[in-house]
Amino acid sequence: MLAQSFFDGDTVEIARSLVGKYLVRRYDGVTLAARITETEAYVGRMDKACHAYGYRRTQRTKTLFSPPGTAYVYLIYGMHCCLNFVTEPEGEPAAVLIRGLSPRHNQDIIAENRFHCKAGALSSYQKKNFLNGPGKVCAGMNIDRALNGLPWGSQELSICASLEELDLPVPPEDLEALRVHTGKRIGIDYAQEAVDFPWRFYV
């Protein structure tokens, strides 16, 4: 598991660094693991796309002021959960959104969570759209609002630098050097100048 200090720094750099790490979800005796393939950074003090822009503290955004590494899980469209990890020192509202994953362990369970079928039965469309969006990430990894505010260090939800930490085999593609691309964030047309911030990172 990454040290909590990993999250106590510059949010944009953390968002870039998280690409290639592994999100680990444990529940009901099951361990799911998936490689992080896409992230976005949100920084409340100056970013109009952040829920806590200008240090706006509400019932929804109070989690963003928590210690680094805290899970911030919120709903979009009243139905889809989105997973973030709080960054920077406590009191600074900032976080990294986990936008995309590639499954690595217990893929059948992840597929059951997403599409109610095993991975081998997925259509080409389902494979293409497996975990390529924040709502899909949470559905596949069984993450909901009950995890909002979960402190860093919990076994329920963590991030590892390597599958070897979980005693899992490392696929050959994970040994290759990553090419991390940078771009504008998605779905924030309301955010004025922040629309153009190049704070999305992806494989």
C-alpha atoms as a PDB file:
ATOM      1  CA  MET A   1       0.000   0.000   0.000  1.00  0.00           C
ATOM      2  CA  LEU A   2       1.214   3.495  -0.782  1.00  0.00           C
ATOM      3  CA  ALA A   3       2.203   5.597   2.223  1.00  0.00           C
ATOM      4  CA  GLN A   4      -0.244   8.315   3.224  1.00  0.00           C
ATOM      5  CA  SER A   5       2.506  10.846   2.522  1.00  0.00           C
ATOM      6  CA  PHE A   6       2.138  10.001  -1.196  1.00  0.00           C
ATOM      7  CA  PHE A   7      -1.099  12.034  -1.193  1.00  0.00           C
ATOM      8  CA  ASP A   8       0.269  14.946   0.849  1.00  0.00           C
ATOM      9  CA  GLY A   9       1.642  16.956  -2.053  1.00  0.00           C
ATOM     10  CA  ASP A  10       0.836  18.624  -5.357  1.00  0.00           C
ATOM     11  CA  THR A  11      -2.469  17.254  -6.651  1.00  0.00           C
ATOM     12  CA  VAL A  12      -1.572  17.464 -10.337  1.00  0.00           C
ATOM     13  CA  GLU A  13       1.671  15.553  -9.827  1.00  0.00           C
ATOM     14  CA  ILE A  14      -0.136  12.952  -7.734  1.00  0.00           C
ATOM     15  CA  ALA A  15      -2.766  12.497 -10.453  1.00  0.00           C
ATOM     16  CA  ARG A  16      -0.021  11.807 -12.987  1.00  0.00           C
ATOM     17  CA  SER A  17       1.837   9.480 -10.611  1.00  0.00           C
ATOM     18  CA  LEU A  18      -1.244   7.380  -9.889  1.00  0.00           C
ATOM     19  CA  VAL A  19      -1.482   6.227 -13.501  1.00  0.00           C
ATOM     20  CA  GLY A  20      -0.007   2.737 -13.549  1.00  0.00           C
ATOM     21  CA  LYS A  21      -0.643   2.056  -9.861  1.00  0.00           C
ATOM     22  CA  TYR A  22      -3.187  -0.541  -8.709  1.00  0.00           C
ATOM     23  CA  LEU A  23      -6.516   0.096  -7.030  1.00  0.00           C
ATOM     24  CA  VAL A  24      -7.356  -2.669  -4.549  1.00  0.00           C
ATOM     25  CA  ARG A  25     -10.864  -3.307  -3.212  1.00  0.00           C
ATOM     26  CA  ARG A  26     -11.557  -5.859  -0.478  1.00  0.00           C
ATOM     27  CA  TYR A  27     -15.014  -6.908   0.698  1.00  0.00           C
ATOM     28  CA  ASP A  28     -16.781 -10.122   1.783  1.00  0.00           C
ATOM     29  CA  GLY A  29     -13.509 -12.050   1.653  1.00  0.00           C
ATOM     30  CA  VAL A  30     -12.895 -11.010  -1.963  1.00  0.00           C
ATOM     31  CA  THR A  31      -9.943  -9.003  -3.293  1.00  0.00           C
ATOM     32  CA  LEU A  32     -10.294  -7.099  -6.567  1.00  0.00           C
ATOM     33  CA  ALA A  33      -7.339  -5.381  -8.213  1.00  0.00           C
ATOM     34  CA  ALA A  34      -7.156  -3.175 -11.296  1.00  0.00           C
ATOM     35  CA  ARG A  35      -4.514  -0.967 -12.848  1.00  0.00           C
ATOM     36  CA  ILE A  36      -5.244   2.752 -12.887  1.00  0.00           C
ATOM     37  CA  THR A  37      -5.313   3.978 -16.489  1.00  0.00           C
ATOM     38  CA  GLU A  38      -6.882   7.438 -16.203  1.00  0.00           C
ATOM     39  CA  THR A  39      -7.061  10.180 -13.562  1.00  0.00           C
ATOM     40  CA  GLU A  40      -8.036  13.831 -13.195  1.00  0.00           C
ATOM     41  CA  ALA A  41      -6.831  16.439 -10.688  1.00  0.00           C
ATOM     42  CA  TYR A  42      -9.125  18.894  -8.865  1.00  0.00           C
ATOM     43  CA  VAL A  43      -7.790  21.729  -6.681  1.00  0.00           C
ATOM     44  CA  GLY A  44     -10.365  23.708  -4.710  1.00  0.00           C
ATOM     45  CA  ARG A  45      -8.435  26.855  -3.997  1.00  0.00           C
ATOM     46  CA  MET A  46      -8.342  27.949  -7.661  1.00  0.00           C
ATOM     47  CA  ASP A  47     -10.183  25.380  -9.790  1.00  0.00           C
ATOM     48  CA  LYS A  48     -13.808  26.153 -10.718  1.00  0.00           C
ATOM     49  CA  ALA A  49     -14.341  22.516 -11.653  1.00  0.00           C
ATOM     50  CA  CYS A  50     -13.740  21.400  -8.060  1.00  0.00           C
ATOM     51  CA  HIS A  51     -16.783  20.893  -5.831  1.00  0.00           C
ATOM     52  CA  ALA A  52     -15.041  22.899  -3.088  1.00  0.00           C
ATOM     53  CA  TYR A  53     -13.861  25.764  -5.290  1.00  0.00           C
ATOM     54  CA  GLY A  54     -13.019  28.788  -3.163  1.00  0.00           C
ATOM     55  CA  TYR A  55     -13.047  26.611  -0.028  1.00  0.00           C
ATOM     56  CA  ARG A  56     -16.819  26.046  -0.310  1.00  0.00           C
ATOM     57  CA  ARG A  57     -17.650  23.635   2.501  1.00  0.00           C
ATOM     58  CA  THR A  58     -21.008  21.840   2.365  1.00  0.00           C
ATOM     59  CA  GLN A  59     -22.372  18.517   3.560  1.00  0.00           C
ATOM     60  CA  ARG A  60     -21.223  17.079   0.221  1.00  0.00           C
ATOM     61  CA  THR A  61     -17.765  18.672   0.061  1.00  0.00           C
ATOM     62  CA  LYS A  62     -16.648  18.406   3.690  1.00  0.00           C
ATOM     63  CA  THR A  63     -14.792  15.162   2.901  1.00  0.00           C
ATOM     64  CA  LEU A  64     -12.466  17.133   0.609  1.00  0.00           C
ATOM     65  CA  PHE A  65     -11.064  18.920   3.684  1.00  0.00           C
ATOM     66  CA  SER A  66     -10.055  15.597   5.278  1.00  0.00           C
ATOM     67  CA  PRO A  67      -6.520  14.219   5.728  1.00  0.00           C
ATOM     68  CA  PRO A  68      -4.706  13.133   2.544  1.00  0.00           C
ATOM     69  CA  GLY A  69      -5.650   9.719   1.197  1.00  0.00           C
ATOM     70  CA  THR A  70      -9.244   9.886   2.432  1.00  0.00           C
ATOM     71  CA  ALA A  71     -11.780   8.428  -0.007  1.00  0.00           C
ATOM     72  CA  TYR A  72     -14.197  11.001  -1.453  1.00  0.00           C
ATOM     73  CA  VAL A  73     -17.128   9.203  -3.096  1.00  0.00           C
ATOM     74  CA  TYR A  74     -19.972  11.236  -4.566  1.00  0.00           C
ATOM     75  CA  LEU A  75     -22.967  10.674  -6.817  1.00  0.00           C
ATOM     76  CA  ILE A  76     -23.469  12.023 -10.327  1.00  0.00           C
ATOM     77  CA  TYR A  77     -26.870  12.059 -12.057  1.00  0.00           C
ATOM     78  CA  GLY A  78     -28.269  10.710  -8.801  1.00  0.00           C
ATOM     79  CA  MET A  79     -27.137   7.169  -9.597  1.00  0.00           C
ATOM     80  CA  HIS A  80     -23.430   6.743 -10.447  1.00  0.00           C
ATOM     81  CA  CYS A  81     -20.677   6.881  -7.818  1.00  0.00           C
ATOM     82  CA  CYS A  82     -17.287   8.475  -8.480  1.00  0.00           C
ATOM     83  CA  LEU A  83     -14.151   7.642  -6.485  1.00  0.00           C
ATOM     84  CA  ASN A  84     -11.568  10.269  -5.550  1.00  0.00           C
ATOM     85  CA  PHE A  85      -8.656  10.333  -3.144  1.00  0.00           C
ATOM     86  CA  VAL A  86      -8.123  13.519  -1.148  1.00  0.00           C
ATOM     87  CA  THR A  87      -4.739  15.192  -1.641  1.00  0.00           C
ATOM     88  CA  GLU A  88      -2.640  17.977  -0.112  1.00  0.00           C
ATOM     89  CA  PRO A  89      -2.563  18.853   3.611  1.00  0.00           C
ATOM     90  CA  GLU A  90      -5.722  18.534   5.695  1.00  0.00           C
ATOM     91  CA  GLY A  91      -7.898  21.615   5.196  1.00  0.00           C
ATOM     92  CA  GLU A  92      -6.877  22.098   1.554  1.00  0.00           C
ATOM     93  CA  PRO A  93      -9.805  20.834  -0.568  1.00  0.00           C
ATOM     94  CA  ALA A  94      -8.249  18.882  -3.419  1.00  0.00           C
ATOM     95  CA  ALA A  95      -8.523  15.363  -4.807  1.00  0.00           C
ATOM     96  CA  VAL A  96      -7.728  13.009  -7.673  1.00  0.00           C
ATOM     97  CA  LEU A  97     -10.614  11.380  -9.535  1.00  0.00           C
ATOM     98  CA  ILE A  98     -10.071   7.776 -10.664  1.00  0.00           C
ATOM     99  CA  ARG A  99     -11.506   7.812 -14.185  1.00  0.00           C
ATOM    100  CA  GLY A 100     -10.368   4.514 -15.668  1.00  0.00           C
ATOM    101  CA  LEU A 101      -9.048   1.065 -14.755  1.00  0.00           C
ATOM    102  CA  SER A 102      -7.838  -2.127 -16.386  1.00  0.00           C
ATOM    103  CA  PRO A 103      -8.744  -5.276 -14.368  1.00  0.00           C
ATOM    104  CA  ARG A 104      -5.933  -7.461 -13.069  1.00  0.00           C
ATOM    105  CA  HIS A 105      -7.349  -9.794 -10.393  1.00  0.00           C
ATOM    106  CA  ASN A 106     -10.758 -11.492 -10.056  1.00  0.00           C
ATOM    107  CA  GLN A 107     -11.863 -10.113 -13.397  1.00  0.00           C
ATOM    108  CA  ASP A 108     -14.910 -12.412 -13.386  1.00  0.00           C
ATOM    109  CA  ILE A 109     -16.216 -10.763 -10.224  1.00  0.00           C
ATOM    110  CA  ILE A 110     -15.552  -7.290 -11.626  1.00  0.00           C
ATOM    111  CA  ALA A 111     -17.464  -8.286 -14.778  1.00  0.00           C
ATOM    112  CA  GLU A 112     -20.343  -9.668 -12.674  1.00  0.00           C
ATOM    113  CA  ASN A 113     -20.495  -6.363 -10.809  1.00  0.00           C
ATOM    114  CA  ARG A 114     -20.619  -4.409 -14.083  1.00  0.00           C
ATOM    115  CA  PHE A 115     -22.570  -6.612 -16.483  1.00  0.00           C
ATOM    116  CA  HIS A 116     -23.884  -9.584 -14.452  1.00  0.00           C
ATOM    117  CA  CYS A 117     -21.836 -12.065 -16.468  1.00  0.00           C
ATOM    118  CA  LYS A 118     -18.335 -13.517 -16.358  1.00  0.00           C
ATOM    119  CA  ALA A 119     -15.471 -11.834 -18.198  1.00  0.00           C
ATOM    120  CA  GLY A 120     -15.393 -14.515 -20.900  1.00  0.00           C
ATOM    121  CA  ALA A 121     -19.000 -13.742 -21.840  1.00  0.00           C
ATOM    122  CA  LEU A 122     -18.471 -10.014 -22.386  1.00  0.00           C
ATOM    123  CA  SER A 123     -19.295  -8.661 -25.827  1.00  0.00           C
ATOM    124  CA  SER A 124     -16.743  -6.565 -27.708  1.00  0.00           C
ATOM    125  CA  TYR A 125     -18.739  -3.455 -26.782  1.00  0.00           C
ATOM    126  CA  GLN A 126     -18.715  -4.422 -23.094  1.00  0.00           C
ATOM    127  CA  LYS A 127     -14.979  -5.101 -23.164  1.00  0.00           C
ATOM    128  CA  LYS A 128     -14.348  -1.698 -24.722  1.00  0.00           C
ATOM    129  CA  ASN A 129     -16.509   0.031 -22.120  1.00  0.00           C
ATOM    130  CA  PHE A 130     -15.609  -2.117 -19.128  1.00  0.00           C
ATOM    131  CA  LEU A 131     -14.047   0.370 -16.690  1.00  0.00           C
ATOM    132  CA  ASN A 132     -13.482   3.446 -18.885  1.00  0.00           C
ATOM    133  CA  GLY A 133     -15.312   6.035 -16.806  1.00  0.00           C
ATOM    134  CA  PRO A 134     -15.632   6.958 -13.126  1.00  0.00           C
ATOM    135  CA  GLY A 135     -19.125   5.492 -12.709  1.00  0.00           C
ATOM    136  CA  LYS A 136     -18.017   2.261 -14.386  1.00  0.00           C
ATOM    137  CA  VAL A 137     -14.969   2.111 -12.100  1.00  0.00           C
ATOM    138  CA  CYS A 138     -17.157   2.235  -9.006  1.00  0.00           C
ATOM    139  CA  ALA A 139     -19.688  -0.261 -10.360  1.00  0.00           C
ATOM    140  CA  GLY A 140     -17.035  -2.799 -11.287  1.00  0.00           C
ATOM    141  CA  MET A 141     -15.092  -2.444  -8.046  1.00  0.00           C
ATOM    142  CA  ASN A 142     -18.210  -2.409  -5.823  1.00  0.00           C
ATOM    143  CA  ILE A 143     -17.580   1.108  -4.503  1.00  0.00           C
ATOM    144  CA  ASP A 144     -20.481   3.174  -3.213  1.00  0.00           C
ATOM    145  CA  ARG A 145     -21.225   6.130  -0.962  1.00  0.00           C
ATOM    146  CA  ALA A 146     -20.755   3.964   2.129  1.00  0.00           C
ATOM    147  CA  LEU A 147     -16.992   4.369   1.523  1.00  0.00           C
ATOM    148  CA  ASN A 148     -17.123   8.165   1.473  1.00  0.00           C
ATOM    149  CA  GLY A 149     -14.785   9.476   4.167  1.00  0.00           C
ATOM    150  CA  LEU A 150     -12.932   6.158   4.533  1.00  0.00           C
ATOM    151  CA  PRO A 151      -9.515   7.059   5.968  1.00  0.00           C
ATOM    152  CA  TRP A 152      -6.294   6.049   4.257  1.00  0.00           C
ATOM    153  CA  GLY A 153      -4.901   2.803   5.637  1.00  0.00           C
ATOM    154  CA  SER A 154      -8.162   0.866   5.482  1.00  0.00           C
ATOM    155  CA  GLN A 155      -7.951  -2.594   3.979  1.00  0.00           C
ATOM    156  CA  GLU A 156     -11.289  -2.036   2.237  1.00  0.00           C
ATOM    157  CA  LEU A 157      -9.786   0.351  -0.292  1.00  0.00           C
ATOM    158  CA  SER A 158      -6.126   0.969  -1.059  1.00  0.00           C
ATOM    159  CA  ILE A 159      -3.599   1.602  -3.816  1.00  0.00           C
ATOM    160  CA  CYS A 160      -0.445  -0.432  -4.388  1.00  0.00           C
ATOM    161  CA  ALA A 161       2.565   0.352  -6.526  1.00  0.00           C
ATOM    162  CA  SER A 162       2.918  -3.258  -7.692  1.00  0.00           C
ATOM    163  CA  LEU A 163       0.896  -6.461  -7.916  1.00  0.00           C
ATOM    164  CA  GLU A 164       3.797  -8.178  -6.180  1.00  0.00           C
ATOM    165  CA  GLU A 165       2.637  -6.509  -2.958  1.00  0.00           C
ATOM    166  CA  LEU A 166      -0.489  -8.665  -3.277  1.00  0.00           C
ATOM    167  CA  ASP A 167       1.477 -11.802  -4.210  1.00  0.00           C
ATOM    168  CA  LEU A 168      -0.100 -11.677  -7.660  1.00  0.00           C
ATOM    169  CA  PRO A 169       1.635 -12.342 -10.988  1.00  0.00           C
ATOM    170  CA  VAL A 170       2.589  -9.300 -13.017  1.00  0.00           C
ATOM    171  CA  PRO A 171       1.386  -9.460 -16.645  1.00  0.00           C
ATOM    172  CA  PRO A 172       4.071  -8.711 -19.264  1.00  0.00           C
ATOM    173  CA  GLU A 173       2.359  -5.517 -20.412  1.00  0.00           C
ATOM    174  CA  ASP A 174       2.710  -4.057 -16.914  1.00  0.00           C
ATOM    175  CA  LEU A 175       6.490  -4.380 -17.140  1.00  0.00           C
ATOM    176  CA  GLU A 176       6.666  -2.087 -20.154  1.00  0.00           C
ATOM    177  CA  ALA A 177       7.349   1.634 -19.737  1.00  0.00           C
ATOM    178  CA  LEU A 178       4.146   3.673 -19.515  1.00  0.00           C
ATOM    179  CA  ARG A 179       3.407   6.495 -21.935  1.00  0.00           C
ATOM    180  CA  VAL A 180       1.201   8.851 -19.948  1.00  0.00           C
ATOM    181  CA  HIS A 181      -0.733  11.380 -22.023  1.00  0.00           C
ATOM    182  CA  THR A 182      -2.073  14.720 -20.828  1.00  0.00           C
ATOM    183  CA  GLY A 183      -5.285  16.473 -21.802  1.00  0.00           C
ATOM    184  CA  LYS A 184      -8.266  18.530 -20.711  1.00  0.00           C
ATOM    185  CA  ARG A 185     -10.685  17.109 -18.175  1.00  0.00           C
ATOM    186  CA  ILE A 186     -14.018  15.700 -19.266  1.00  0.00           C
ATOM    187  CA  GLY A 187     -17.531  16.998 -18.557  1.00  0.00           C
ATOM    188  CA  ILE A 188     -16.667  20.345 -16.952  1.00  0.00           C
ATOM    189  CA  ASP A 189     -17.944  22.803 -19.557  1.00  0.00           C
ATOM    190  CA  TYR A 190     -19.302  25.037 -16.781  1.00  0.00           C
ATOM    191  CA  ALA A 191     -15.856  25.668 -15.258  1.00  0.00           C
ATOM    192  CA  GLN A 192     -14.852  28.741 -17.299  1.00  0.00           C
ATOM    193  CA  GLU A 193     -11.037  29.042 -17.569  1.00  0.00           C
ATOM    194  CA  ALA A 194     -10.578  25.766 -15.679  1.00  0.00           C
ATOM    195  CA  VAL A 195     -11.956  23.924 -18.718  1.00  0.00           C
ATOM    196  CA  ASP A 196      -8.546  24.307 -20.335  1.00  0.00           C
ATOM    197  CA  PHE A 197      -6.412  23.065 -17.431  1.00  0.00           C
ATOM    198  CA  PRO A 198      -4.406  20.047 -18.736  1.00  0.00           C
ATOM    199  CA  TRP A 199      -5.117  17.984 -15.622  1.00  0.00           C
ATOM    200  CA  ARG A 200      -6.286  14.707 -17.132  1.00  0.00           C
ATOM    201  CA  PHE A 201      -3.740  11.883 -17.376  1.00  0.00           C
ATOM    202  CA  TYR A 202      -4.265   8.631 -19.216  1.00  0.00           C
ATOM    203  CA  VAL A 203      -2.630   5.673 -20.872  1.00  0.00           C
END
